[in-house]
N, C-alpha and C. Protein backbone atom coordinates (compact mmCIF):
# COMPACT_ATOMS: atom_id res chain seq x y z
N MET A 1 0.80 -1.33 -0.19
CA MET A 1 0.38 -0.45 -0.36
C MET A 1 0.56 1.27 0.05
N GLU A 2 0.40 2.28 -0.66
CA GLU A 2 1.22 3.24 -0.92
C GLU A 2 1.60 3.84 0.23
N GLU A 3 0.36 4.39 1.53
CA GLU A 3 1.02 5.11 2.39
C GLU A 3 1.80 4.32 3.93
N ASP A 4 2.00 3.07 2.96
CA ASP A 4 3.04 2.32 4.30
C ASP A 4 4.56 2.56 3.69
N PHE A 5 4.87 2.88 2.22
CA PHE A 5 5.68 3.35 2.35
C PHE A 5 6.37 4.38 2.79
N ASP A 6 7.93 4.21 3.38
CA ASP A 6 8.30 5.06 3.84
C ASP A 6 9.93 5.24 2.98
N LEU A 7 10.32 6.46 2.53
CA LEU A 7 11.58 6.86 2.23
C LEU A 7 12.53 6.34 2.66
N PHE A 8 12.53 6.87 3.88
CA PHE A 8 13.54 7.11 4.74
C PHE A 8 14.01 5.53 5.33
N ASP A 9 12.73 4.89 5.84
CA ASP A 9 12.99 3.29 6.07
C ASP A 9 13.68 2.26 4.59
N LYS A 10 12.87 2.87 3.54
CA LYS A 10 13.31 2.13 2.27
C LYS A 10 14.75 1.85 2.07
N ILE A 11 15.43 3.50 2.21
CA ILE A 11 16.90 3.96 2.35
C ILE A 11 17.99 3.10 3.26
N ALA A 12 17.15 3.42 4.04
CA ALA A 12 18.20 2.68 5.78
C ALA A 12 18.68 1.05 5.54
N GLU A 13 17.33 0.61 4.61
CA GLU A 13 17.12 -0.49 4.60
C GLU A 13 18.22 -1.28 3.20
N GLU A 14 17.60 -0.76 2.49
CA GLU A 14 18.47 -1.22 1.22
C GLU A 14 19.99 -0.50 0.92
N ASP A 15 19.89 0.36 1.73
CA ASP A 15 21.76 0.94 1.82
C ASP A 15 22.29 0.97 0.49
N PRO A 16 21.34 2.13 0.12
CA PRO A 16 22.36 2.40 -1.41
C PRO A 16 23.85 3.10 -1.18
N PHE A 17 24.10 3.48 -0.22
CA PHE A 17 25.13 4.56 -0.03
C PHE A 17 26.09 3.86 1.00
N PRO A 18 26.21 2.59 0.74
CA PRO A 18 27.01 2.15 2.24
C PRO A 18 27.79 2.61 2.80
N TYR A 19 28.89 3.94 2.14
CA TYR A 19 29.91 4.69 2.46
C TYR A 19 29.62 5.88 3.14
N SER A 20 28.10 6.14 3.14
CA SER A 20 27.68 7.58 3.32
C SER A 20 27.72 8.16 4.77
N ASP A 21 27.77 8.84 5.12
CA ASP A 21 27.24 9.61 6.71
C ASP A 21 26.20 10.66 6.62
N ARG A 22 25.74 10.18 5.35
CA ARG A 22 24.25 11.24 5.24
C ARG A 22 23.52 10.73 3.76
N VAL A 23 23.31 8.84 4.52
CA VAL A 23 22.21 8.94 3.26
C VAL A 23 21.63 9.32 2.78
N HIS A 24 20.21 10.02 3.49
CA HIS A 24 19.31 10.28 2.86
C HIS A 24 19.57 12.01 1.86
N LEU A 25 20.55 12.39 2.09
CA LEU A 25 20.85 13.56 1.42
C LEU A 25 21.46 13.22 0.42
N ASP A 26 22.35 12.17 -0.06
CA ASP A 26 23.23 11.76 -0.98
C ASP A 26 21.63 11.19 -1.71
N PHE A 27 21.17 10.55 -1.37
CA PHE A 27 19.44 9.90 -2.23
C PHE A 27 19.14 10.94 -2.77
N LEU A 28 18.90 12.24 -2.11
CA LEU A 28 17.85 13.28 -2.43
C LEU A 28 19.07 14.33 -3.73
N GLU A 29 20.35 14.06 -3.72
CA GLU A 29 21.23 14.67 -4.38
C GLU A 29 20.86 14.00 -5.37
N LEU A 30 20.85 12.82 -5.78
CA LEU A 30 20.34 12.06 -7.19
C LEU A 30 19.37 13.05 -8.63
N PHE A 31 18.58 13.90 -7.57
CA PHE A 31 17.64 14.62 -8.38
C PHE A 31 17.77 15.42 -8.75
N ASP A 32 18.08 16.37 -10.29
CA ASP A 32 18.01 17.37 -10.47
C ASP A 32 16.56 17.91 -10.68
N ASP A 33 16.68 19.33 -10.79
CA ASP A 33 15.01 19.92 -11.03
C ASP A 33 14.41 19.15 -12.30
N ALA A 34 14.77 18.57 -13.49
CA ALA A 34 14.47 17.89 -14.58
C ALA A 34 13.60 16.56 -13.72
N ARG A 35 14.95 16.36 -13.04
CA ARG A 35 14.16 14.76 -12.68
C ARG A 35 12.50 14.82 -11.56
N ILE A 36 13.10 16.21 -10.72
CA ILE A 36 11.99 16.54 -9.41
C ILE A 36 10.77 16.34 -10.53
N LEU A 37 11.10 17.49 -11.83
CA LEU A 37 9.49 17.91 -12.15
C LEU A 37 9.34 16.58 -12.89
N GLU A 38 9.75 15.50 -13.72
CA GLU A 38 9.18 14.46 -14.04
C GLU A 38 8.54 13.45 -13.00
N VAL A 39 8.97 13.68 -11.98
CA VAL A 39 8.85 12.62 -10.37
C VAL A 39 7.69 13.27 -10.07
N LEU A 40 7.51 14.73 -10.18
CA LEU A 40 6.12 15.36 -9.52
C LEU A 40 4.88 15.37 -10.56
N GLN A 41 4.97 15.03 -11.78
CA GLN A 41 4.21 14.92 -12.95
C GLN A 41 3.20 13.64 -12.80
N GLY A 42 3.96 12.15 -12.03
CA GLY A 42 3.38 11.71 -11.79
C GLY A 42 2.75 11.74 -10.55
N LEU A 43 2.21 12.46 -9.99
CA LEU A 43 1.18 12.74 -8.50
C LEU A 43 0.05 12.66 -9.21
N VAL A 44 -0.86 12.58 -7.89
CA VAL A 44 -2.59 12.84 -8.31
C VAL A 44 -2.42 14.02 -8.54
N PRO A 45 -2.83 14.89 -9.25
CA PRO A 45 -3.12 16.41 -9.47
C PRO A 45 -3.56 17.19 -8.96
N GLN A 46 -4.12 16.70 -7.68
CA GLN A 46 -4.34 17.52 -6.36
C GLN A 46 -3.23 17.67 -5.29
N HIS A 47 -2.70 16.25 -5.43
CA HIS A 47 -1.59 16.33 -4.35
C HIS A 47 -0.39 17.11 -4.74
N ARG A 48 -0.25 16.71 -6.44
CA ARG A 48 1.04 17.74 -6.76
C ARG A 48 1.08 19.29 -6.33
N VAL A 49 -0.51 19.74 -6.16
CA VAL A 49 -0.88 20.98 -6.14
C VAL A 49 -0.29 21.09 -4.85
N ALA A 50 -0.85 20.63 -3.91
CA ALA A 50 -0.65 20.65 -2.70
C ALA A 50 1.13 20.91 -2.23
N VAL A 51 1.33 19.90 -2.49
CA VAL A 51 2.73 19.56 -2.17
C VAL A 51 3.53 20.70 -2.89
N ILE A 52 3.59 21.20 -4.05
CA ILE A 52 3.80 22.39 -4.51
C ILE A 52 3.70 23.44 -3.85
N LEU A 53 2.54 23.73 -3.48
CA LEU A 53 2.29 25.12 -3.05
C LEU A 53 2.87 25.54 -1.17
N ALA A 54 2.90 24.20 -0.89
CA ALA A 54 3.62 23.81 0.26
C ALA A 54 5.13 24.23 0.21
N TYR A 55 5.88 23.06 -0.40
CA TYR A 55 7.39 23.15 -0.45
C TYR A 55 8.10 23.51 -1.64
N VAL A 56 7.42 23.87 -2.11
CA VAL A 56 8.18 25.11 -3.59
C VAL A 56 8.06 26.68 -2.64
N TYR A 57 6.66 26.62 -2.49
CA TYR A 57 6.27 28.32 -2.54
C TYR A 57 6.34 28.37 -0.82
N GLY A 58 6.47 27.79 0.17
CA GLY A 58 5.98 27.91 1.35
C GLY A 58 4.37 28.11 2.12
N PHE A 59 3.65 28.10 1.24
CA PHE A 59 2.36 27.89 1.94
C PHE A 59 2.30 26.96 2.79
N THR A 60 1.38 27.94 3.82
CA THR A 60 0.78 26.70 5.15
C THR A 60 -0.59 26.08 4.49
N ALA A 61 -1.24 25.14 4.88
CA ALA A 61 -2.28 24.53 5.09
C ALA A 61 -3.31 25.03 5.06
N ARG A 62 -3.14 26.71 5.83
CA ARG A 62 -4.78 26.62 5.71
C ARG A 62 -4.36 27.49 4.37
N GLU A 63 -3.26 28.03 4.06
CA GLU A 63 -3.38 29.20 2.83
C GLU A 63 -3.69 28.20 1.88
N ILE A 64 -3.51 26.95 1.81
CA ILE A 64 -3.36 26.04 0.48
C ILE A 64 -4.94 25.89 0.43
N GLY A 65 -5.72 25.93 1.43
CA GLY A 65 -7.18 25.28 1.95
C GLY A 65 -7.79 26.93 0.96
N GLU A 66 -6.93 27.88 1.52
CA GLU A 66 -7.89 29.02 0.85
C GLU A 66 -7.47 29.20 -0.57
N ILE A 67 -6.49 28.98 -0.95
CA ILE A 67 -6.09 29.05 -2.26
C ILE A 67 -7.26 28.03 -3.23
N THR A 68 -7.41 27.07 -2.57
CA THR A 68 -7.72 25.58 -3.31
C THR A 68 -9.43 26.22 -3.00
N GLY A 69 -10.09 26.62 -2.20
CA GLY A 69 -11.46 26.37 -1.59
C GLY A 69 -11.48 25.22 -1.18
N ARG A 70 -10.87 24.26 -0.18
CA ARG A 70 -11.04 23.45 -0.20
C ARG A 70 -10.67 23.13 1.70
N PRO A 71 -11.20 22.54 2.47
CA PRO A 71 -11.39 22.40 4.23
C PRO A 71 -9.47 22.06 4.12
N MET A 72 -9.01 22.87 5.50
CA MET A 72 -8.12 22.28 6.03
C MET A 72 -7.59 20.79 6.12
N GLY A 73 -8.55 20.09 6.61
CA GLY A 73 -8.50 18.57 7.09
C GLY A 73 -8.20 17.75 5.60
N THR A 74 -8.90 18.16 4.46
CA THR A 74 -8.45 17.85 3.28
C THR A 74 -7.25 18.35 2.78
N VAL A 75 -6.75 19.43 2.55
CA VAL A 75 -5.33 19.81 2.25
C VAL A 75 -4.51 19.13 3.31
N LEU A 76 -4.80 18.94 4.59
CA LEU A 76 -3.47 18.45 4.91
C LEU A 76 -3.53 16.58 4.73
N SER A 77 -4.69 16.04 4.59
CA SER A 77 -4.88 14.70 3.67
C SER A 77 -4.29 14.78 2.34
N TRP A 78 -4.41 15.73 1.56
CA TRP A 78 -3.73 16.20 -0.11
C TRP A 78 -2.20 15.84 0.76
N LEU A 79 -1.50 16.64 1.47
CA LEU A 79 -0.15 16.62 1.56
C LEU A 79 0.85 15.41 2.23
N HIS A 80 -0.54 14.78 3.15
CA HIS A 80 0.14 13.28 3.87
C HIS A 80 0.37 12.54 2.28
N ARG A 81 -0.59 12.25 1.64
CA ARG A 81 -0.80 11.50 0.69
C ARG A 81 0.18 11.56 -0.50
N GLY A 82 0.51 13.10 -0.34
CA GLY A 82 1.29 13.39 -1.60
C GLY A 82 2.73 13.24 -1.21
N ARG A 83 2.87 13.52 0.22
CA ARG A 83 4.14 12.95 0.32
C ARG A 83 4.66 11.83 -0.07
N LYS A 84 3.75 10.87 0.37
CA LYS A 84 4.29 9.72 0.46
C LYS A 84 4.55 9.43 -1.12
N GLN A 85 2.94 9.74 -1.45
CA GLN A 85 3.40 9.28 -3.16
C GLN A 85 4.68 9.51 -3.41
N LEU A 86 5.29 10.89 -3.57
CA LEU A 86 6.22 11.66 -4.04
C LEU A 86 7.75 10.43 -3.42
N GLU A 87 7.44 10.31 -2.59
CA GLU A 87 8.98 9.12 -1.75
C GLU A 87 9.19 8.38 -2.52
N ARG A 88 7.07 7.81 -2.79
CA ARG A 88 7.71 6.35 -3.55
C ARG A 88 7.90 6.57 -4.96
N GLU A 89 7.38 7.64 -5.52
CA GLU A 89 8.18 7.90 -7.23
C GLU A 89 9.41 8.38 -6.59
N LEU A 90 9.72 8.87 -5.77
CA LEU A 90 11.62 9.09 -6.41
C LEU A 90 11.98 8.20 -6.15
N TRP A 91 12.05 7.03 -5.28
CA TRP A 91 12.27 5.72 -4.96
C TRP A 91 12.16 4.81 -6.28
N GLU A 92 11.23 4.87 -6.68
CA GLU A 92 10.84 3.72 -7.97
C GLU A 92 11.30 4.75 -9.45
N TYR A 93 11.95 5.42 -9.67
CA TYR A 93 12.63 6.76 -10.40
C TYR A 93 13.63 6.45 -10.36
N ALA A 94 14.33 6.15 -8.83
CA ALA A 94 15.64 5.93 -8.52
C ALA A 94 16.28 4.56 -9.15
N VAL A 95 15.45 3.54 -8.66
CA VAL A 95 15.27 2.55 -9.29
C VAL A 95 15.64 2.13 -10.46
N SER A 96 14.37 2.64 -11.38
CA SER A 96 13.96 2.54 -13.00
C SER A 96 15.13 3.47 -13.64
N HIS A 97 15.67 4.23 -13.59
CA HIS A 97 16.57 5.28 -14.37
C HIS A 97 17.94 4.55 -14.00
N HIS A 98 18.13 3.11 -13.01
CA HIS A 98 19.51 3.22 -12.55
C HIS A 98 19.78 3.64 -11.51
N LEU A 99 19.66 5.07 -11.05
CA LEU A 99 20.24 5.79 -10.29
C LEU A 99 21.14 5.11 -8.90
N ILE A 100 19.93 3.93 -8.51
CA ILE A 100 21.01 3.37 -7.29
C ILE A 100 20.56 2.16 -7.64
N HIS A 101 21.52 1.10 -7.22
CA HIS A 101 21.45 -0.28 -7.71
C HIS A 101 22.77 -1.46 -7.05
N ARG A 102 21.92 -2.25 -6.07
CA ARG A 102 22.36 -3.03 -5.44
C ARG A 102 23.77 -2.30 -4.68
N GLY A 103 23.71 -0.91 -3.77
CA GLY A 103 24.72 -0.66 -3.20
C GLY A 103 25.57 0.53 -3.67
N ALA A 104 25.41 0.20 -5.56
CA ALA A 104 26.19 1.48 -6.40
C ALA A 104 25.46 2.30 -7.01
N VAL A 105 25.86 3.60 -6.95
CA VAL A 105 25.13 5.27 -7.12
C VAL A 105 25.44 5.53 -9.16
N ARG A 106 24.98 5.67 -9.25
CA ARG A 106 25.17 6.80 -10.71
C ARG A 106 24.77 7.31 -10.69
N ARG A 107 25.70 8.66 -10.67
CA ARG A 107 25.06 9.92 -11.23
C ARG A 107 24.79 10.59 -12.31
């Protein structure tokens, strides 16, 4: 299930950077702007909007609710689901594009 996926746990479990003291940052550095945009395109549209407004533009959940005309609970749900979907999509992108493979990292 999508919401059970946790990027930090997956990275720790798979250990794609065995000699790194900053494994999570090393993972995120695999993604330039073009790769991030490609991954974001795969998100459910409402989730993508909420994630971009929150994490790119810095809007609060309350502000996103005002912008989208949705209750804050809905926005919080979109943010949670969007983050989880983004985590899964980043991992799957990294694997499918051979950015990580059995402990070896390719940039």
